[in-house]
PDB file of all heavy atoms in Angstrom:
ATOM      1  N   GLU A   1     -43.657  24.015 -28.393  1.00  0.00           N
ATOM      2  CA  GLU A   1     -44.617  23.047 -27.838  1.00  0.00           C
ATOM      3  C   GLU A   1     -44.389  21.670 -28.444  1.00  0.00           C
ATOM      4  O   GLU A   1     -44.447  20.649 -27.738  1.00  0.00           O
ATOM      5  CB  GLU A   1     -46.050  23.519 -28.084  1.00  0.00           C
ATOM      6  CG  GLU A   1     -47.066  22.693 -27.313  1.00  0.00           C
ATOM      7  CD  GLU A   1     -48.507  23.179 -27.472  1.00  0.00           C
ATOM      8  OE1 GLU A   1     -48.720  24.335 -27.911  1.00  0.00           O
ATOM      9  OE2 GLU A   1     -49.404  22.389 -27.154  1.00  0.00           O
ATOM     10  N   ALA A   2     -44.113  21.623 -29.745  1.00  0.00           N
ATOM     11  CA  ALA A   2     -43.813  20.344 -30.408  1.00  0.00           C
ATOM     12  C   ALA A   2     -42.584  19.699 -29.764  1.00  0.00           C
ATOM     13  O   ALA A   2     -42.559  18.491 -29.513  1.00  0.00           O
ATOM     14  CB  ALA A   2     -43.582  20.564 -31.901  1.00  0.00           C
ATOM     15  N   LEU A   3     -41.570  20.517 -29.459  1.00  0.00           N
ATOM     16  CA  LEU A   3     -40.341  19.999 -28.849  1.00  0.00           C
ATOM     17  C   LEU A   3     -40.567  19.546 -27.402  1.00  0.00           C
ATOM     18  O   LEU A   3     -39.904  18.620 -26.933  1.00  0.00           O
ATOM     19  CB  LEU A   3     -39.229  21.050 -28.915  1.00  0.00           C
ATOM     20  CG  LEU A   3     -38.638  21.244 -30.312  1.00  0.00           C
ATOM     21  CD1 LEU A   3     -37.846  22.535 -30.402  1.00  0.00           C
ATOM     22  CD2 LEU A   3     -37.777  20.049 -30.694  1.00  0.00           C
ATOM     23  N   ARG A   4     -41.513  20.188 -26.708  1.00  0.00           N
ATOM     24  CA  ARG A   4     -41.842  19.729 -25.355  1.00  0.00           C
ATOM     25  C   ARG A   4     -42.469  18.332 -25.400  1.00  0.00           C
ATOM     26  O   ARG A   4     -42.281  17.530 -24.494  1.00  0.00           O
ATOM     27  CB  ARG A   4     -42.791  20.718 -24.661  1.00  0.00           C
ATOM     28  CG  ARG A   4     -42.071  21.936 -24.078  1.00  0.00           C
ATOM     29  CD  ARG A   4     -42.947  22.734 -23.136  1.00  0.00           C
ATOM     30  NE  ARG A   4     -44.077  23.364 -23.797  1.00  0.00           N
ATOM     31  CZ  ARG A   4     -44.026  24.563 -24.380  1.00  0.00           C
ATOM     32  NH1 ARG A   4     -42.897  25.259 -24.393  1.00  0.00           N
ATOM     33  NH2 ARG A   4     -45.102  25.078 -24.959  1.00  0.00           N
ATOM     34  N   ASN A   5     -43.219  18.065 -26.479  1.00  0.00           N
ATOM     35  CA  ASN A   5     -43.852  16.748 -26.627  1.00  0.00           C
ATOM     36  C   ASN A   5     -42.891  15.698 -27.172  1.00  0.00           C
ATOM     37  O   ASN A   5     -43.059  14.512 -26.915  1.00  0.00           O
ATOM     38  CB  ASN A   5     -45.073  16.845 -27.545  1.00  0.00           C
ATOM     39  CG  ASN A   5     -46.187  17.658 -26.913  1.00  0.00           C
ATOM     40  OD1 ASN A   5     -46.331  17.671 -25.701  1.00  0.00           O
ATOM     41  ND2 ASN A   5     -46.957  18.358 -27.720  1.00  0.00           N
ATOM     42  N   ASP A   6     -41.904  16.137 -27.958  1.00  0.00           N
ATOM     43  CA  ASP A   6     -40.897  15.217 -28.508  1.00  0.00           C
ATOM     44  C   ASP A   6     -39.610  16.000 -28.727  1.00  0.00           C
ATOM     45  O   ASP A   6     -39.488  16.733 -29.710  1.00  0.00           O
ATOM     46  CB  ASP A   6     -41.400  14.610 -29.828  1.00  0.00           C
ATOM     47  CG  ASP A   6     -40.368  13.689 -30.472  1.00  0.00           C
ATOM     48  OD1 ASP A   6     -39.319  13.433 -29.838  1.00  0.00           O
ATOM     49  OD2 ASP A   6     -40.599  13.234 -31.605  1.00  0.00           O
ATOM     50  N   SER A   7     -38.677  15.839 -27.803  1.00  0.00           N
ATOM     51  CA  SER A   7     -37.447  16.639 -27.847  1.00  0.00           C
ATOM     52  C   SER A   7     -36.577  16.314 -29.059  1.00  0.00           C
ATOM     53  O   SER A   7     -35.663  17.064 -29.383  1.00  0.00           O
ATOM     54  CB  SER A   7     -36.638  16.438 -26.567  1.00  0.00           C
ATOM     55  OG  SER A   7     -36.294  15.078 -26.437  1.00  0.00           O
ATOM     56  N   LEU A   8     -36.859  15.194 -29.744  1.00  0.00           N
ATOM     57  CA  LEU A   8     -36.081  14.827 -30.927  1.00  0.00           C
ATOM     58  C   LEU A   8     -36.813  15.139 -32.233  1.00  0.00           C
ATOM     59  O   LEU A   8     -36.451  14.613 -33.286  1.00  0.00           O
ATOM     60  CB  LEU A   8     -35.706  13.344 -30.879  1.00  0.00           C
ATOM     61  CG  LEU A   8     -34.747  12.941 -29.749  1.00  0.00           C
ATOM     62  CD1 LEU A   8     -34.517  11.444 -29.753  1.00  0.00           C
ATOM     63  CD2 LEU A   8     -33.431  13.689 -29.860  1.00  0.00           C
ATOM     64  N   CYS A   9     -37.826  15.991 -32.176  1.00  0.00           N
ATOM     65  CA  CYS A   9     -38.556  16.369 -33.391  1.00  0.00           C
ATOM     66  C   CYS A   9     -37.678  17.356 -34.177  1.00  0.00           C
ATOM     67  O   CYS A   9     -37.678  18.563 -33.924  1.00  0.00           O
ATOM     68  CB  CYS A   9     -39.908  16.996 -33.044  1.00  0.00           C
ATOM     69  SG  CYS A   9     -40.876  17.431 -34.504  1.00  0.00           S
ATOM     70  N   THR A  10     -36.898  16.811 -35.117  1.00  0.00           N
ATOM     71  CA  THR A  10     -35.898  17.624 -35.816  1.00  0.00           C
ATOM     72  C   THR A  10     -36.524  18.724 -36.672  1.00  0.00           C
ATOM     73  O   THR A  10     -35.952  19.805 -36.797  1.00  0.00           O
ATOM     74  CB  THR A  10     -34.987  16.740 -36.684  1.00  0.00           C
ATOM     75  OG1 THR A  10     -35.796  15.926 -37.534  1.00  0.00           O
ATOM     76  CG2 THR A  10     -34.096  15.859 -35.827  1.00  0.00           C
ATOM     77  N   GLU A  11     -37.712  18.448 -37.238  1.00  0.00           N
ATOM     78  CA  GLU A  11     -38.380  19.477 -38.060  1.00  0.00           C
ATOM     79  C   GLU A  11     -38.718  20.694 -37.214  1.00  0.00           C
ATOM     80  O   GLU A  11     -38.503  21.834 -37.628  1.00  0.00           O
ATOM     81  CB  GLU A  11     -39.659  18.930 -38.720  1.00  0.00           C
ATOM     82  CG  GLU A  11     -39.427  17.848 -39.753  1.00  0.00           C
ATOM     83  CD  GLU A  11     -39.370  16.450 -39.139  1.00  0.00           C
ATOM     84  OE1 GLU A  11     -39.388  16.323 -37.884  1.00  0.00           O
ATOM     85  OE2 GLU A  11     -39.280  15.485 -39.910  1.00  0.00           O
ATOM     86  N   ALA A  12     -39.250  20.442 -36.012  1.00  0.00           N
ATOM     87  CA  ALA A  12     -39.615  21.551 -35.125  1.00  0.00           C
ATOM     88  C   ALA A  12     -38.372  22.331 -34.700  1.00  0.00           C
ATOM     89  O   ALA A  12     -38.377  23.569 -34.683  1.00  0.00           O
ATOM     90  CB  ALA A  12     -40.356  21.029 -33.898  1.00  0.00           C
ATOM     91  N   LEU A  13     -37.296  21.611 -34.393  1.00  0.00           N
ATOM     92  CA  LEU A  13     -36.058  22.271 -33.961  1.00  0.00           C
ATOM     93  C   LEU A  13     -35.458  23.112 -35.090  1.00  0.00           C
ATOM     94  O   LEU A  13     -35.028  24.244 -34.875  1.00  0.00           O
ATOM     95  CB  LEU A  13     -35.060  21.213 -33.465  1.00  0.00           C
ATOM     96  CG  LEU A  13     -33.792  21.708 -32.772  1.00  0.00           C
ATOM     97  CD1 LEU A  13     -34.117  22.638 -31.605  1.00  0.00           C
ATOM     98  CD2 LEU A  13     -32.953  20.526 -32.289  1.00  0.00           C
ATOM     99  N   TYR A  14     -35.454  22.554 -36.298  1.00  0.00           N
ATOM    100  CA  TYR A  14     -34.925  23.286 -37.463  1.00  0.00           C
ATOM    101  C   TYR A  14     -35.755  24.549 -37.714  1.00  0.00           C
ATOM    102  O   TYR A  14     -35.225  25.640 -37.877  1.00  0.00           O
ATOM    103  CB  TYR A  14     -34.939  22.379 -38.700  1.00  0.00           C
ATOM    104  CG  TYR A  14     -34.314  23.012 -39.923  1.00  0.00           C
ATOM    105  CD1 TYR A  14     -32.944  22.938 -40.136  1.00  0.00           C
ATOM    106  CD2 TYR A  14     -35.094  23.685 -40.861  1.00  0.00           C
ATOM    107  CE1 TYR A  14     -32.360  23.514 -41.256  1.00  0.00           C
ATOM    108  CE2 TYR A  14     -34.515  24.267 -41.972  1.00  0.00           C
ATOM    109  CZ  TYR A  14     -33.152  24.177 -42.173  1.00  0.00           C
ATOM    110  OH  TYR A  14     -32.578  24.758 -43.283  1.00  0.00           O
ATOM    111  N   ASN A  15     -37.078  24.382 -37.711  1.00  0.00           N
ATOM    112  CA  ASN A  15     -37.956  25.526 -37.985  1.00  0.00           C
ATOM    113  C   ASN A  15     -37.913  26.559 -36.864  1.00  0.00           C
ATOM    114  O   ASN A  15     -38.060  27.755 -37.122  1.00  0.00           O
ATOM    115  CB  ASN A  15     -39.388  25.043 -38.234  1.00  0.00           C
ATOM    116  CG  ASN A  15     -39.496  24.273 -39.537  1.00  0.00           C
ATOM    117  OD1 ASN A  15     -38.565  24.200 -40.314  1.00  0.00           O
ATOM    118  ND2 ASN A  15     -40.647  23.672 -39.778  1.00  0.00           N
ATOM    119  N   LEU A  16     -37.700  26.103 -35.628  1.00  0.00           N
ATOM    120  CA  LEU A  16     -37.533  27.037 -34.518  1.00  0.00           C
ATOM    121  C   LEU A  16     -36.272  27.878 -34.744  1.00  0.00           C
ATOM    122  O   LEU A  16     -36.285  29.097 -34.540  1.00  0.00           O
ATOM    123  CB  LEU A  16     -37.449  26.279 -33.188  1.00  0.00           C
ATOM    124  CG  LEU A  16     -37.279  27.135 -31.930  1.00  0.00           C
ATOM    125  CD1 LEU A  16     -38.459  28.094 -31.752  1.00  0.00           C
ATOM    126  CD2 LEU A  16     -37.128  26.243 -30.693  1.00  0.00           C
ATOM    127  N   GLY A  17     -35.216  27.228 -35.209  1.00  0.00           N
ATOM    128  CA  GLY A  17     -33.983  27.948 -35.537  1.00  0.00           C
ATOM    129  C   GLY A  17     -34.218  28.994 -36.621  1.00  0.00           C
ATOM    130  O   GLY A  17     -33.749  30.133 -36.519  1.00  0.00           O
ATOM    131  N   LEU A  18     -34.984  28.621 -37.645  1.00  0.00           N
ATOM    132  CA  LEU A  18     -35.309  29.570 -38.723  1.00  0.00           C
ATOM    133  C   LEU A  18     -36.146  30.735 -38.201  1.00  0.00           C
ATOM    134  O   LEU A  18     -35.930  31.887 -38.589  1.00  0.00           O
ATOM    135  CB  LEU A  18     -36.066  28.873 -39.855  1.00  0.00           C
ATOM    136  CG  LEU A  18     -35.293  27.877 -40.715  1.00  0.00           C
ATOM    137  CD1 LEU A  18     -36.209  27.294 -41.786  1.00  0.00           C
ATOM    138  CD2 LEU A  18     -34.074  28.523 -41.359  1.00  0.00           C
ATOM    139  N   ALA A  19     -37.102  30.426 -37.309  1.00  0.00           N
ATOM    140  CA  ALA A  19     -37.949  31.483 -36.745  1.00  0.00           C
ATOM    141  C   ALA A  19     -37.106  32.458 -35.932  1.00  0.00           C
ATOM    142  O   ALA A  19     -37.249  33.681 -36.060  1.00  0.00           O
ATOM    143  CB  ALA A  19     -39.056  30.862 -35.879  1.00  0.00           C
ATOM    144  N   TYR A  20     -36.203  31.928 -35.099  1.00  0.00           N
ATOM    145  CA  TYR A  20     -35.326  32.792 -34.306  1.00  0.00           C
ATOM    146  C   TYR A  20     -34.430  33.634 -35.220  1.00  0.00           C
ATOM    147  O   TYR A  20     -34.173  34.798 -34.946  1.00  0.00           O
ATOM    148  CB  TYR A  20     -34.463  31.961 -33.352  1.00  0.00           C
ATOM    149  CG  TYR A  20     -35.182  31.476 -32.118  1.00  0.00           C
ATOM    150  CD1 TYR A  20     -34.867  30.243 -31.551  1.00  0.00           C
ATOM    151  CD2 TYR A  20     -36.158  32.239 -31.498  1.00  0.00           C
ATOM    152  CE1 TYR A  20     -35.510  29.789 -30.405  1.00  0.00           C
ATOM    153  CE2 TYR A  20     -36.815  31.792 -30.350  1.00  0.00           C
ATOM    154  CZ  TYR A  20     -36.479  30.571 -29.818  1.00  0.00           C
ATOM    155  OH  TYR A  20     -37.114  30.130 -28.686  1.00  0.00           O
ATOM    156  N   LYS A  21     -33.961  33.011 -36.289  1.00  0.00           N
ATOM    157  CA  LYS A  21     -33.100  33.732 -37.244  1.00  0.00           C
ATOM    158  C   LYS A  21     -33.865  34.901 -37.860  1.00  0.00           C
ATOM    159  O   LYS A  21     -33.361  36.013 -37.970  1.00  0.00           O
ATOM    160  CB  LYS A  21     -32.614  32.754 -38.320  1.00  0.00           C
ATOM    161  CG  LYS A  21     -31.540  33.297 -39.238  1.00  0.00           C
ATOM    162  CD  LYS A  21     -31.087  32.200 -40.197  1.00  0.00           C
ATOM    163  CE  LYS A  21     -30.216  32.750 -41.295  1.00  0.00           C
ATOM    164  NZ  LYS A  21     -29.918  31.751 -42.312  1.00  0.00           N
ATOM    165  N   LYS A  22     -35.112  34.633 -38.240  1.00  0.00           N
ATOM    166  CA  LYS A  22     -35.962  35.662 -38.834  1.00  0.00           C
ATOM    167  C   LYS A  22     -36.264  36.780 -37.824  1.00  0.00           C
ATOM    168  O   LYS A  22     -36.368  37.942 -38.184  1.00  0.00           O
ATOM    169  CB  LYS A  22     -37.262  35.017 -39.313  1.00  0.00           C
ATOM    170  CG  LYS A  22     -38.150  35.895 -40.131  1.00  0.00           C
ATOM    171  CD  LYS A  22     -38.012  35.577 -41.595  1.00  0.00           C
ATOM    172  CE  LYS A  22     -39.054  36.319 -42.394  1.00  0.00           C
ATOM    173  NZ  LYS A  22     -38.689  36.456 -43.775  1.00  0.00           N
ATOM    174  N   LEU A  23     -36.386  36.394 -36.549  1.00  0.00           N
ATOM    175  CA  LEU A  23     -36.663  37.369 -35.485  1.00  0.00           C
ATOM    176  C   LEU A  23     -35.390  38.077 -34.999  1.00  0.00           C
ATOM    177  O   LEU A  23     -35.432  38.881 -34.083  1.00  0.00           O
ATOM    178  CB  LEU A  23     -37.330  36.663 -34.292  1.00  0.00           C
ATOM    179  CG  LEU A  23     -38.752  36.161 -34.515  1.00  0.00           C
ATOM    180  CD1 LEU A  23     -39.152  35.165 -33.432  1.00  0.00           C
ATOM    181  CD2 LEU A  23     -39.735  37.320 -34.565  1.00  0.00           C
ATOM    182  N   ASN A  24     -34.261  37.733 -35.630  1.00  0.00           N
ATOM    183  CA  ASN A  24     -32.959  38.311 -35.289  1.00  0.00           C
ATOM    184  C   ASN A  24     -32.507  37.943 -33.871  1.00  0.00           C
ATOM    185  O   ASN A  24     -31.760  38.679 -33.243  1.00  0.00           O
ATOM    186  CB  ASN A  24     -32.957  39.833 -35.493  1.00  0.00           C
ATOM    187  CG  ASN A  24     -31.573  40.338 -35.861  1.00  0.00           C
ATOM    188  OD1 ASN A  24     -30.766  39.587 -36.415  1.00  0.00           O
ATOM    189  ND2 ASN A  24     -31.292  41.569 -35.530  1.00  0.00           N
ATOM    190  N   ARG A  25     -32.977  36.789 -33.399  1.00  0.00           N
ATOM    191  CA  ARG A  25     -32.523  36.264 -32.105  1.00  0.00           C
ATOM    192  C   ARG A  25     -31.432  35.232 -32.425  1.00  0.00           C
ATOM    193  O   ARG A  25     -31.626  34.022 -32.330  1.00  0.00           O
ATOM    194  CB  ARG A  25     -33.702  35.670 -31.340  1.00  0.00           C
ATOM    195  CG  ARG A  25     -34.652  36.773 -30.862  1.00  0.00           C
ATOM    196  CD  ARG A  25     -36.043  36.300 -30.523  1.00  0.00           C
ATOM    197  NE  ARG A  25     -36.111  35.322 -29.451  1.00  0.00           N
ATOM    198  CZ  ARG A  25     -37.258  34.860 -28.962  1.00  0.00           C
ATOM    199  NH1 ARG A  25     -38.415  35.296 -29.430  1.00  0.00           N
ATOM    200  NH2 ARG A  25     -37.262  33.952 -28.002  1.00  0.00           N
ATOM    201  N   ILE A  26     -30.283  35.770 -32.821  1.00  0.00           N
ATOM    202  CA  ILE A  26     -29.234  34.962 -33.438  1.00  0.00           C
ATOM    203  C   ILE A  26     -28.647  33.920 -32.487  1.00  0.00           C
ATOM    204  O   ILE A  26     -28.399  32.779 -32.897  1.00  0.00           O
ATOM    205  CB  ILE A  26     -28.125  35.879 -34.018  1.00  0.00           C
ATOM    206  CG1 ILE A  26     -28.724  36.846 -35.065  1.00  0.00           C
ATOM    207  CG2 ILE A  26     -26.998  35.072 -34.622  1.00  0.00           C
ATOM    208  CD1 ILE A  26     -29.437  36.174 -36.224  1.00  0.00           C
ATOM    209  N   ASP A  27     -28.430  34.278 -31.224  1.00  0.00           N
ATOM    210  CA  ASP A  27     -27.851  33.316 -30.276  1.00  0.00           C
ATOM    211  C   ASP A  27     -28.759  32.107 -30.081  1.00  0.00           C
ATOM    212  O   ASP A  27     -28.297  30.962 -30.013  1.00  0.00           O
ATOM    213  CB  ASP A  27     -27.569  33.982 -28.922  1.00  0.00           C
ATOM    214  CG  ASP A  27     -26.393  34.948 -28.999  1.00  0.00           C
ATOM    215  OD1 ASP A  27     -25.566  34.790 -29.927  1.00  0.00           O
ATOM    216  OD2 ASP A  27     -26.310  35.859 -28.163  1.00  0.00           O
ATOM    217  N   GLU A  28     -30.072  32.370 -30.010  1.00  0.00           N
ATOM    218  CA  GLU A  28     -31.028  31.269 -29.839  1.00  0.00           C
ATOM    219  C   GLU A  28     -31.098  30.413 -31.104  1.00  0.00           C
ATOM    220  O   GLU A  28     -31.203  29.186 -31.028  1.00  0.00           O
ATOM    221  CB  GLU A  28     -32.414  31.822 -29.490  1.00  0.00           C
ATOM    222  CG  GLU A  28     -32.474  32.391 -28.080  1.00  0.00           C
ATOM    223  CD  GLU A  28     -33.690  33.273 -27.856  1.00  0.00           C
ATOM    224  OE1 GLU A  28     -33.679  34.429 -28.336  1.00  0.00           O
ATOM    225  OE2 GLU A  28     -34.633  32.808 -27.204  1.00  0.00           O
ATOM    226  N   ALA A  29     -31.008  31.054 -32.261  1.00  0.00           N
ATOM    227  CA  ALA A  29     -30.994  30.315 -33.534  1.00  0.00           C
ATOM    228  C   ALA A  29     -29.756  29.417 -33.588  1.00  0.00           C
ATOM    229  O   ALA A  29     -29.849  28.234 -33.946  1.00  0.00           O
ATOM    230  CB  ALA A  29     -31.003  31.286 -34.715  1.00  0.00           C
ATOM    231  N   LEU A  30     -28.608  29.982 -33.212  1.00  0.00           N
ATOM    232  CA  LEU A  30     -27.358  29.211 -33.212  1.00  0.00           C
ATOM    233  C   LEU A  30     -27.484  27.997 -32.295  1.00  0.00           C
ATOM    234  O   LEU A  30     -27.076  26.886 -32.658  1.00  0.00           O
ATOM    235  CB  LEU A  30     -26.200  30.115 -32.765  1.00  0.00           C
ATOM    236  CG  LEU A  30     -24.827  29.452 -32.683  1.00  0.00           C
ATOM    237  CD1 LEU A  30     -24.387  28.936 -34.043  1.00  0.00           C
ATOM    238  CD2 LEU A  30     -23.802  30.424 -32.126  1.00  0.00           C
ATOM    239  N   ASP A  31     -28.079  28.191 -31.129  1.00  0.00           N
ATOM    240  CA  ASP A  31     -28.269  27.101 -30.171  1.00  0.00           C
ATOM    241  C   ASP A  31     -29.098  25.972 -30.795  1.00  0.00           C
ATOM    242  O   ASP A  31     -28.748  24.795 -30.672  1.00  0.00           O
ATOM    243  CB  ASP A  31     -28.946  27.653 -28.912  1.00  0.00           C
ATOM    244  CG  ASP A  31     -29.015  26.619 -27.804  1.00  0.00           C
ATOM    245  OD1 ASP A  31     -27.994  25.954 -27.555  1.00  0.00           O
ATOM    246  OD2 ASP A  31     -30.091  26.471 -27.186  1.00  0.00           O
ATOM    247  N   CYS A  32     -30.183  26.337 -31.495  1.00  0.00           N
ATOM    248  CA  CYS A  32     -31.039  25.325 -32.152  1.00  0.00           C
ATOM    249  C   CYS A  32     -30.242  24.528 -33.184  1.00  0.00           C
ATOM    250  O   CYS A  32     -30.312  23.295 -33.222  1.00  0.00           O
ATOM    251  CB  CYS A  32     -32.220  25.998 -32.860  1.00  0.00           C
ATOM    252  SG  CYS A  32     -33.464  26.659 -31.751  1.00  0.00           S
ATOM    253  N   PHE A  33     -29.480  25.234 -34.029  1.00  0.00           N
ATOM    254  CA  PHE A  33     -28.770  24.542 -35.099  1.00  0.00           C
ATOM    255  C   PHE A  33     -27.584  23.721 -34.582  1.00  0.00           C
ATOM    256  O   PHE A  33     -27.261  22.676 -35.155  1.00  0.00           O
ATOM    257  CB  PHE A  33     -28.345  25.531 -36.191  1.00  0.00           C
ATOM    258  CG  PHE A  33     -29.522  26.062 -36.966  1.00  0.00           C
ATOM    259  CD1 PHE A  33     -29.811  27.415 -36.983  1.00  0.00           C
ATOM    260  CD2 PHE A  33     -30.364  25.209 -37.661  1.00  0.00           C
ATOM    261  CE1 PHE A  33     -30.906  27.907 -37.684  1.00  0.00           C
ATOM    262  CE2 PHE A  33     -31.470  25.680 -38.359  1.00  0.00           C
ATOM    263  CZ  PHE A  33     -31.740  27.031 -38.372  1.00  0.00           C
ATOM    264  N   LEU A  34     -26.964  24.160 -33.480  1.00  0.00           N
ATOM    265  CA  LEU A  34     -25.896  23.346 -32.885  1.00  0.00           C
ATOM    266  C   LEU A  34     -26.471  22.063 -32.285  1.00  0.00           C
ATOM    267  O   LEU A  34     -25.870  20.986 -32.405  1.00  0.00           O
ATOM    268  CB  LEU A  34     -25.134  24.146 -31.818  1.00  0.00           C
ATOM    269  CG  LEU A  34     -24.184  25.224 -32.364  1.00  0.00           C
ATOM    270  CD1 LEU A  34     -23.663  26.104 -31.242  1.00  0.00           C
ATOM    271  CD2 LEU A  34     -23.037  24.610 -33.147  1.00  0.00           C
ATOM    272  N   LYS A  35     -27.665  22.156 -31.656  1.00  0.00           N
ATOM    273  CA  LYS A  35     -28.340  20.947 -31.136  1.00  0.00           C
ATOM    274  C   LYS A  35     -28.674  20.002 -32.293  1.00  0.00           C
ATOM    275  O   LYS A  35     -28.479  18.789 -32.196  1.00  0.00           O
ATOM    276  CB  LYS A  35     -29.625  21.328 -30.400  1.00  0.00           C
ATOM    277  CG  LYS A  35     -29.405  21.865 -29.013  1.00  0.00           C
ATOM    278  CD  LYS A  35     -30.734  22.235 -28.366  1.00  0.00           C
ATOM    279  CE  LYS A  35     -30.519  22.946 -27.047  1.00  0.00           C
ATOM    280  NZ  LYS A  35     -31.739  23.587 -26.550  1.00  0.00           N
ATOM    281  N   LEU A  36     -29.182  20.582 -33.377  1.00  0.00           N
ATOM    282  CA  LEU A  36     -29.524  19.776 -34.551  1.00  0.00           C
ATOM    283  C   LEU A  36     -28.295  19.100 -35.125  1.00  0.00           C
ATOM    284  O   LEU A  36     -28.356  17.950 -35.568  1.00  0.00           O
ATOM    285  CB  LEU A  36     -30.150  20.665 -35.630  1.00  0.00           C
ATOM    286  CG  LEU A  36     -31.656  20.647 -35.751  1.00  0.00           C
ATOM    287  CD1 LEU A  36     -32.104  21.666 -36.767  1.00  0.00           C
ATOM    288  CD2 LEU A  36     -32.179  19.280 -36.127  1.00  0.00           C
ATOM    289  N   HIS A  37     -27.173  19.833 -35.151  1.00  0.00           N
ATOM    290  CA  HIS A  37     -25.930  19.268 -35.700  1.00  0.00           C
ATOM    291  C   HIS A  37     -25.498  18.043 -34.888  1.00  0.00           C
ATOM    292  O   HIS A  37     -24.969  17.082 -35.441  1.00  0.00           O
ATOM    293  CB  HIS A  37     -24.836  20.337 -35.710  1.00  0.00           C
ATOM    294  CG  HIS A  37     -23.529  19.823 -36.230  1.00  0.00           C
ATOM    295  ND1 HIS A  37     -23.371  19.334 -37.513  1.00  0.00           N
ATOM    296  CD2 HIS A  37     -22.314  19.697 -35.631  1.00  0.00           C
ATOM    297  CE1 HIS A  37     -22.120  18.940 -37.677  1.00  0.00           C
ATOM    298  NE2 HIS A  37     -21.461  19.150 -36.557  1.00  0.00           N
ATOM    299  N   ALA A  38     -25.744  18.085 -33.573  1.00  0.00           N
ATOM    300  CA  ALA A  38     -25.413  16.930 -32.732  1.00  0.00           C
ATOM    301  C   ALA A  38     -26.277  15.722 -33.098  1.00  0.00           C
ATOM    302  O   ALA A  38     -25.816  14.577 -33.041  1.00  0.00           O
ATOM    303  CB  ALA A  38     -25.600  17.289 -31.259  1.00  0.00           C
ATOM    304  N   ILE A  39     -27.538  15.980 -33.500  1.00  0.00           N
ATOM    305  CA  ILE A  39     -28.456  14.894 -33.871  1.00  0.00           C
ATOM    306  C   ILE A  39     -28.212  14.444 -35.317  1.00  0.00           C
ATOM    307  O   ILE A  39     -28.214  13.261 -35.623  1.00  0.00           O
ATOM    308  CB  ILE A  39     -29.931  15.350 -33.718  1.00  0.00           C
ATOM    309  CG1 ILE A  39     -30.216  15.765 -32.270  1.00  0.00           C
ATOM    310  CG2 ILE A  39     -30.897  14.237 -34.128  1.00  0.00           C
ATOM    311  CD1 ILE A  39     -31.527  16.528 -32.093  1.00  0.00           C
ATOM    312  N   LEU A  40     -28.014  15.427 -36.225  1.00  0.00           N
ATOM    313  CA  LEU A  40     -27.837  15.161 -37.656  1.00  0.00           C
ATOM    314  C   LEU A  40     -26.506  15.749 -38.131  1.00  0.00           C
ATOM    315  O   LEU A  40     -26.475  16.800 -38.769  1.00  0.00           O
ATOM    316  CB  LEU A  40     -28.989  15.800 -38.455  1.00  0.00           C
ATOM    317  CG  LEU A  40     -30.419  15.446 -38.048  1.00  0.00           C
ATOM    318  CD1 LEU A  40     -31.409  16.384 -38.703  1.00  0.00           C
ATOM    319  CD2 LEU A  40     -30.731  14.006 -38.426  1.00  0.00           C
ATOM    320  N   PRO A  41     -25.380  15.088 -37.831  1.00  0.00           N
ATOM    321  CA  PRO A  41     -24.076  15.688 -38.121  1.00  0.00           C
ATOM    322  C   PRO A  41     -23.784  15.920 -39.606  1.00  0.00           C
ATOM    323  O   PRO A  41     -22.974  16.775 -39.944  1.00  0.00           O
ATOM    324  CB  PRO A  41     -23.077  14.701 -37.510  1.00  0.00           C
ATOM    325  CG  PRO A  41     -23.822  13.430 -37.328  1.00  0.00           C
ATOM    326  CD  PRO A  41     -25.266  13.782 -37.182  1.00  0.00           C
ATOM    327  N   ASN A  42     -24.444  15.172 -40.494  1.00  0.00           N
ATOM    328  CA  ASN A  42     -24.163  15.325 -41.929  1.00  0.00           C
ATOM    329  C   ASN A  42     -25.295  15.993 -42.700  1.00  0.00           C
ATOM    330  O   ASN A  42     -25.385  15.843 -43.921  1.00  0.00           O
ATOM    331  CB  ASN A  42     -23.844  13.967 -42.558  1.00  0.00           C
ATOM    332  CG  ASN A  42     -22.544  13.410 -42.017  1.00  0.00           C
ATOM    333  OD1 ASN A  42     -21.581  14.147 -41.819  1.00  0.00           O
ATOM    334  ND2 ASN A  42     -22.510  12.115 -41.753  1.00  0.00           N
ATOM    335  N   SER A  43     -26.144  16.721 -42.004  1.00  0.00           N
ATOM    336  CA  SER A  43     -27.245  17.401 -42.683  1.00  0.00           C
ATOM    337  C   SER A  43     -26.730  18.661 -43.380  1.00  0.00           C
ATOM    338  O   SER A  43     -26.238  19.588 -42.725  1.00  0.00           O
ATOM    339  CB  SER A  43     -28.342  17.779 -41.692  1.00  0.00           C
ATOM    340  OG  SER A  43     -29.239  18.702 -42.279  1.00  0.00           O
ATOM    341  N   ALA A  44     -26.847  18.688 -44.706  1.00  0.00           N
ATOM    342  CA  ALA A  44     -26.364  19.840 -45.482  1.00  0.00           C
ATOM    343  C   ALA A  44     -27.091  21.117 -45.075  1.00  0.00           C
ATOM    344  O   ALA A  44     -26.469  22.181 -44.942  1.00  0.00           O
ATOM    345  CB  ALA A  44     -26.560  19.567 -46.979  1.00  0.00           C
TER     346      ALA A  44
END
């Protein structure tokens, strides 16, 4: 919902990736982190 209101909300996208990872929805988690990498290419 946060991302629907602001598609560039990096905190929501990162945490969504973590939630998917925890839920073992690995492909969806990977998708979130690849999108984030496009926005934040040097984020450790």
